[in-house]
Protein backbone atom coordinates (compact mmCIF):
# COMPACT_ATOMS: atom_id res chain seq x y z
CA UNK A 1 -34.83 -92.48 -53.18
CA UNK A 2 -35.26 -88.84 -52.31
CA UNK A 3 -32.27 -86.62 -51.91
CA UNK A 4 -31.35 -86.44 -48.22
CA UNK A 5 -29.55 -83.08 -48.59
CA UNK A 6 -31.50 -81.03 -51.10
CA UNK A 7 -29.93 -77.79 -52.21
CA UNK A 8 -31.73 -74.76 -50.89
CA UNK A 9 -33.65 -72.82 -53.50
CA UNK A 10 -33.12 -69.52 -51.65
CA UNK A 11 -30.10 -67.73 -53.09
CA UNK A 12 -30.44 -64.45 -51.24
CA UNK A 13 -31.81 -61.11 -52.24
CA UNK A 14 -29.93 -58.53 -54.20
CA UNK A 15 -28.59 -55.57 -52.30
CA UNK A 16 -30.98 -52.62 -52.60
CA UNK A 17 -29.63 -49.69 -54.58
CA UNK A 18 -29.99 -47.54 -51.48
CA UNK A 19 -27.43 -49.69 -49.66
CA UNK A 20 -24.98 -50.49 -52.47
CA UNK A 21 -22.61 -47.69 -51.40
CA UNK A 22 -22.86 -48.38 -47.69
CA UNK A 23 -25.41 -47.54 -44.99
CA UNK A 24 -28.10 -44.95 -45.61
CA UNK A 25 -26.81 -41.41 -45.21
CA UNK A 26 -30.14 -39.82 -44.24
CA UNK A 27 -31.21 -41.49 -41.04
CA UNK A 28 -33.59 -40.68 -38.20
CA UNK A 29 -34.12 -41.53 -34.56
CA UNK A 30 -35.04 -45.17 -34.01
CA UNK A 31 -35.16 -45.17 -30.20
CA UNK A 32 -37.25 -42.26 -28.97
CA UNK A 33 -37.20 -43.44 -25.34
CA UNK A 34 -33.38 -43.55 -25.26
CA UNK A 35 -33.22 -40.09 -26.84
CA UNK A 36 -35.63 -38.69 -24.24
CA UNK A 37 -33.59 -40.24 -21.41
CA UNK A 38 -30.37 -38.75 -22.81
CA UNK A 39 -31.96 -35.30 -23.12
CA UNK A 40 -33.34 -35.54 -19.56
CA UNK A 41 -29.87 -36.38 -18.23
CA UNK A 42 -28.40 -33.34 -20.01
CA UNK A 43 -31.15 -31.11 -18.61
CA UNK A 44 -30.52 -32.52 -15.13
CA UNK A 45 -26.79 -31.84 -15.39
CA UNK A 46 -27.43 -28.24 -16.44
CA UNK A 47 -29.91 -27.78 -13.57
CA UNK A 48 -27.49 -29.17 -10.99
CA UNK A 49 -24.68 -26.93 -12.28
CA UNK A 50 -26.87 -23.81 -12.16
CA UNK A 51 -28.20 -24.67 -8.70
CA UNK A 52 -24.68 -25.35 -7.39
CA UNK A 53 -23.21 -22.09 -8.66
CA UNK A 54 -26.19 -20.00 -7.50
CA UNK A 55 -26.52 -21.50 -4.00
CA UNK A 56 -22.94 -22.54 -3.31
CA UNK A 57 -19.51 -20.97 -3.35
CA UNK A 58 -16.99 -22.68 -5.65
CA UNK A 59 -14.21 -20.61 -4.07
CA UNK A 60 -14.65 -22.65 -0.86
CA UNK A 61 -13.25 -25.67 -2.70
CA UNK A 62 -9.88 -24.03 -3.27
CA UNK A 63 -9.68 -22.11 0.00
CA UNK A 64 -7.37 -23.44 2.77
CA UNK A 65 -8.96 -23.94 6.20
CA UNK A 66 -7.48 -22.96 9.54
CA UNK A 67 -7.47 -25.03 12.71
CA UNK A 68 -10.95 -23.79 13.60
CA UNK A 69 -12.46 -24.98 10.30
CA UNK A 70 -12.88 -21.52 8.79
CA UNK A 71 -11.96 -20.93 5.13
CA UNK A 72 -9.25 -18.34 4.60
CA UNK A 73 -10.30 -15.48 2.34
CA UNK A 74 -14.05 -16.16 2.63
CA UNK A 75 -16.86 -15.01 4.90
CA UNK A 76 -15.57 -13.42 8.11
CA UNK A 77 -12.03 -14.20 6.92
CA UNK A 78 -12.41 -12.11 3.74
CA UNK A 79 -9.18 -10.20 3.20
CA UNK A 80 -7.16 -12.90 5.00
CA UNK A 81 -6.44 -15.43 2.21
CA UNK A 82 -3.16 -16.92 3.45
CA UNK A 83 -2.79 -19.89 5.77
CA UNK A 84 -0.02 -19.44 8.34
CA UNK A 85 1.46 -22.28 10.41
CA UNK A 86 1.87 -21.21 14.02
CA UNK A 87 4.96 -21.75 16.18
CA UNK A 88 5.13 -21.88 19.94
CA UNK A 89 7.33 -19.80 22.23
CA UNK A 90 10.11 -22.37 21.82
CA UNK A 91 10.13 -21.84 18.04
CA UNK A 92 8.63 -25.27 17.37
CA UNK A 93 6.31 -25.23 14.37
CA UNK A 94 2.82 -26.74 14.74
CA UNK A 95 1.43 -28.42 11.64
CA UNK A 96 -2.10 -28.67 13.09
CA UNK A 97 -2.20 -25.10 14.50
CA UNK A 98 -2.95 -22.70 11.66
CA UNK A 99 -4.46 -19.25 11.28
CA UNK A 100 -5.62 -17.07 8.39
CA UNK A 101 -3.49 -13.97 7.84
CA UNK A 102 -3.71 -10.94 5.57
CA UNK A 103 -0.21 -11.38 4.17
CA UNK A 104 2.74 -13.67 4.71
CA UNK A 105 5.47 -12.24 7.01
CA UNK A 106 8.71 -11.68 5.14
CA UNK A 107 10.86 -11.88 8.28
CA UNK A 108 10.49 -12.17 12.05
CA UNK A 109 10.02 -8.42 12.48
CA UNK A 110 7.20 -8.19 9.96
CA UNK A 111 3.65 -7.43 11.10
CA UNK A 112 1.23 -10.35 11.35
CA UNK A 113 -2.40 -9.42 10.69
CA UNK A 114 -4.65 -12.29 11.84
CA UNK A 115 -8.23 -13.02 10.85
CA UNK A 116 -11.04 -12.35 13.40
CA UNK A 117 -11.41 -16.06 14.21
CA UNK A 118 -7.93 -16.01 15.79
CA UNK A 119 -9.60 -14.80 18.98
CA UNK A 120 -10.89 -18.35 19.43
CA UNK A 121 -7.34 -19.41 20.27
CA UNK A 122 -7.37 -17.31 23.45
CA UNK A 123 -4.25 -15.31 22.56
CA UNK A 124 -3.43 -12.02 20.88
CA UNK A 125 -2.21 -11.80 17.30
CA UNK A 126 0.40 -9.22 18.26
CA UNK A 127 1.94 -11.73 20.68
CA UNK A 128 2.08 -14.52 18.09
CA UNK A 129 5.68 -15.63 17.33
CA UNK A 130 6.66 -14.94 13.71
CA UNK A 131 9.16 -16.32 11.22
CA UNK A 132 10.16 -15.63 7.61
CA UNK A 133 7.82 -17.10 4.97
CA UNK A 134 7.19 -17.08 1.22
CA UNK A 135 3.64 -16.91 -0.24
CA UNK A 136 2.54 -19.84 -2.41
CA UNK A 137 -0.26 -19.51 -5.04
CA UNK A 138 -2.07 -16.90 -2.92
CA UNK A 139 -2.96 -19.63 -0.43
CA UNK A 140 -0.11 -20.72 1.85
CA UNK A 141 2.75 -19.13 3.77
CA UNK A 142 5.70 -21.48 3.23
CA UNK A 143 8.52 -21.17 5.82
CA UNK A 144 11.92 -20.12 4.51
CA UNK A 145 13.45 -22.26 7.24
CA UNK A 146 14.03 -25.65 5.61
CA UNK A 147 13.83 -27.42 8.98
CA UNK A 148 10.28 -26.11 9.36
CA UNK A 149 9.47 -27.22 5.83
CA UNK A 150 10.77 -30.73 6.55
CA UNK A 151 8.72 -30.99 9.74
CA UNK A 152 5.54 -29.85 7.97
CA UNK A 153 6.18 -32.22 5.05
CA UNK A 154 6.74 -35.16 7.41
CA UNK A 155 3.44 -34.40 9.14
CA UNK A 156 1.57 -34.25 5.82
CA UNK A 157 0.83 -30.52 5.95
CA UNK A 158 1.74 -30.04 2.28
CA UNK A 159 -0.27 -32.93 0.87
CA UNK A 160 -2.91 -30.49 -0.41
CA UNK A 161 -0.40 -28.09 -2.01
CA UNK A 162 -0.77 -29.64 -5.45
CA UNK A 163 -4.55 -29.45 -5.14
CA UNK A 164 -4.42 -25.82 -4.03
CA UNK A 165 -2.11 -24.91 -6.93
CA UNK A 166 -4.20 -26.76 -9.50
CA UNK A 167 -7.44 -25.32 -8.17
CA UNK A 168 -5.95 -21.83 -8.11
CA UNK A 169 -4.79 -22.20 -11.70
CA UNK A 170 -8.27 -23.36 -12.70
CA UNK A 171 -9.97 -20.45 -10.96
CA UNK A 172 -7.64 -17.91 -12.58
CA UNK A 173 -7.38 -19.45 -16.04
CA UNK A 174 -10.90 -20.80 -16.55
CA UNK A 175 -11.42 -18.57 -19.58
CA UNK A 176 -8.33 -19.99 -21.26
CA UNK A 177 -9.50 -23.55 -20.56
CA UNK A 178 -12.92 -22.70 -22.01
CA UNK A 179 -11.34 -21.23 -25.16
CA UNK A 180 -9.15 -24.30 -25.59
CA UNK A 181 -12.22 -26.52 -25.21
CA UNK A 182 -14.15 -24.57 -27.84
CA UNK A 183 -11.17 -24.63 -30.20
CA UNK A 184 -10.88 -28.39 -29.67
CA UNK A 185 -14.56 -28.88 -30.51
CA UNK A 186 -14.19 -26.72 -33.63
CA UNK A 187 -11.11 -28.61 -34.79
CA UNK A 188 -12.92 -31.89 -34.12
CA UNK A 189 -15.80 -30.89 -36.39
CA UNK A 190 -13.38 -29.69 -39.06
CA UNK A 191 -11.58 -33.02 -38.85
CA UNK A 192 -14.90 -34.86 -39.23
CA UNK A 193 -15.77 -32.80 -42.32
CA UNK A 194 -12.31 -33.41 -43.74
CA UNK A 195 -12.58 -37.15 -43.11
CA UNK A 196 -16.06 -37.27 -44.65
CA UNK A 197 -14.89 -35.87 -47.97
CA UNK A 198 -11.31 -37.16 -47.98
CA UNK A 199 -11.56 -40.54 -46.22
CA UNK A 200 -11.13 -42.38 -49.52
CA UNK A 201 -8.00 -40.44 -50.45
CA UNK A 202 -6.56 -40.93 -46.95
CA UNK A 203 -7.31 -44.67 -46.88
CA UNK A 204 -5.84 -45.43 -50.29
CA UNK A 205 -2.97 -43.03 -49.67
CA UNK A 206 -2.03 -44.85 -46.47
CA UNK A 207 -2.11 -48.18 -48.30
CA UNK A 208 0.11 -46.80 -51.05
CA UNK A 209 2.58 -45.34 -48.55
CA UNK A 210 2.58 -48.69 -46.74
CA UNK A 211 3.60 -50.42 -49.96
CA UNK A 212 6.21 -47.78 -50.79
CA UNK A 213 7.65 -48.03 -47.27
CA UNK A 214 8.02 -51.81 -47.41
CA UNK A 215 9.55 -51.79 -50.88
CA UNK A 216 11.84 -48.87 -50.07
CA UNK A 217 13.12 -50.40 -46.84
CA UNK A 218 13.62 -53.74 -48.57
CA UNK A 219 15.54 -52.06 -51.39
CA UNK A 220 17.68 -50.17 -48.89
CA UNK A 221 18.57 -53.39 -47.07
CA UNK A 222 19.34 -55.17 -50.34
CA UNK A 223 21.63 -52.40 -51.59
CA UNK A 224 23.43 -52.33 -48.25
CA UNK A 225 23.82 -56.12 -48.41
CA UNK A 226 25.61 -55.90 -51.78
CA UNK A 227 27.56 -52.82 -50.58
CA UNK A 228 26.20 -50.64 -53.34
CA UNK A 229 27.78 -47.14 -53.58
CA UNK A 230 24.35 -45.77 -54.49
CA UNK A 231 23.30 -45.88 -50.85
CA UNK A 232 26.15 -43.69 -49.70
CA UNK A 233 25.97 -42.22 -46.20
CA UNK A 234 22.17 -42.36 -45.85
CA UNK A 235 22.25 -45.82 -44.23
CA UNK A 236 22.03 -45.63 -40.41
CA UNK A 237 24.86 -47.07 -38.33
CA UNK A 238 22.51 -49.67 -36.85
CA UNK A 239 21.73 -50.98 -40.34
CA UNK A 240 25.38 -50.99 -41.37
CA UNK A 241 26.29 -53.21 -38.41
CA UNK A 242 23.99 -56.05 -39.58
CA UNK A 243 25.52 -58.87 -41.57
CA UNK A 244 24.99 -59.14 -45.31
CA UNK A 245 23.02 -62.38 -45.00
CA UNK A 246 20.64 -60.90 -42.44
CA UNK A 247 20.12 -57.83 -44.63
CA UNK A 248 19.23 -60.03 -47.60
CA UNK A 249 16.72 -61.96 -45.48
CA UNK A 250 15.15 -58.71 -44.27
CA UNK A 251 14.94 -57.32 -47.82
CA UNK A 252 13.36 -60.50 -49.22
CA UNK A 253 10.90 -60.55 -46.31
CA UNK A 254 9.88 -56.94 -46.99
CA UNK A 255 9.43 -57.69 -50.70
CA UNK A 256 7.33 -60.76 -49.86
CA UNK A 257 5.10 -58.87 -47.43
CA UNK A 258 4.69 -56.08 -49.97
CA UNK A 259 3.70 -58.55 -52.69
CA UNK A 260 1.19 -60.36 -50.45
CA UNK A 261 -0.24 -57.02 -49.28
CA UNK A 262 -0.63 -55.86 -52.87
CA UNK A 263 -2.46 -59.05 -53.81
CA UNK A 264 -4.75 -58.72 -50.79
CA UNK A 265 -5.54 -55.10 -51.67
CA UNK A 266 -6.43 -56.14 -55.22
CA UNK A 267 -8.63 -58.99 -53.99
CA UNK A 268 -10.28 -56.94 -51.25
CA UNK A 269 -10.64 -53.65 -53.10
CA UNK A 270 -14.42 -54.00 -52.96
CA UNK A 271 -14.31 -54.45 -49.19
CA UNK A 272 -12.00 -51.47 -48.85
CA UNK A 273 -14.37 -49.31 -50.89
CA UNK A 274 -17.26 -50.48 -48.71
CA UNK A 275 -15.26 -49.67 -45.55
CA UNK A 276 -14.57 -46.16 -46.89
CA UNK A 277 -18.29 -45.71 -47.61
CA UNK A 278 -19.20 -46.87 -44.09
CA UNK A 279 -16.59 -44.51 -42.62
CA UNK A 280 -18.09 -41.58 -44.50
CA UNK A 281 -21.56 -42.41 -43.20
CA UNK A 282 -20.42 -42.88 -39.60
CA UNK A 283 -18.61 -39.57 -39.64
């Protein structure tokens, strides 16, 4: 009778010498179409950015707009960067009635210089009621009267304040953000180089420190359990409040985990070496 489950004669091929220390270090592009698509996307992004900056005005994003839809500080309103909330003759503030002004009035007697588009309101700037304000991020005139502030906040007039402040910070500190980005990229490449040449030392060092930490903590718990004077005052109060039996259990558990971990590291040292080799190649 023939054997129903014959043993396979194929026993696998030996690992090529080129791959014995991990993946091949010198590699090339294997998907030309994907690479071309990625490059085309990058080119498109650069084109859109150049077109946007050359044909648009990024400052319009951070500029506040008055009730007529005109941006303060831009176009015909150049020189009038602040947004001022108008009040009526009864001293009631209007959250939806705003004008662009040259500067924020410090008090009620201060001069109010309105932008040219104020003529659309049908009144004179000199006749506009004034109140004391404080400039905010070169964009808004915030009333010093807290009742006015509460009314404007309740009507949602300050919902864009955070955006205005963030956008203003970006427009003024863009060079610092760019420098930080370049420094981050440089540090990232330095870290990659460091990991490429020191990944083995770091990996084995972490494993050794892991073992030392487990054994050390277990020894500390054991010495505290037997009230050894060697420990002295270095034991935390939280550890001192645990019972002796619980400390012994914790110490034995740490010793057991350390022993099992050490055995696993010895058995899997080949896998760990392979993982380090793969990490070097990937980096």
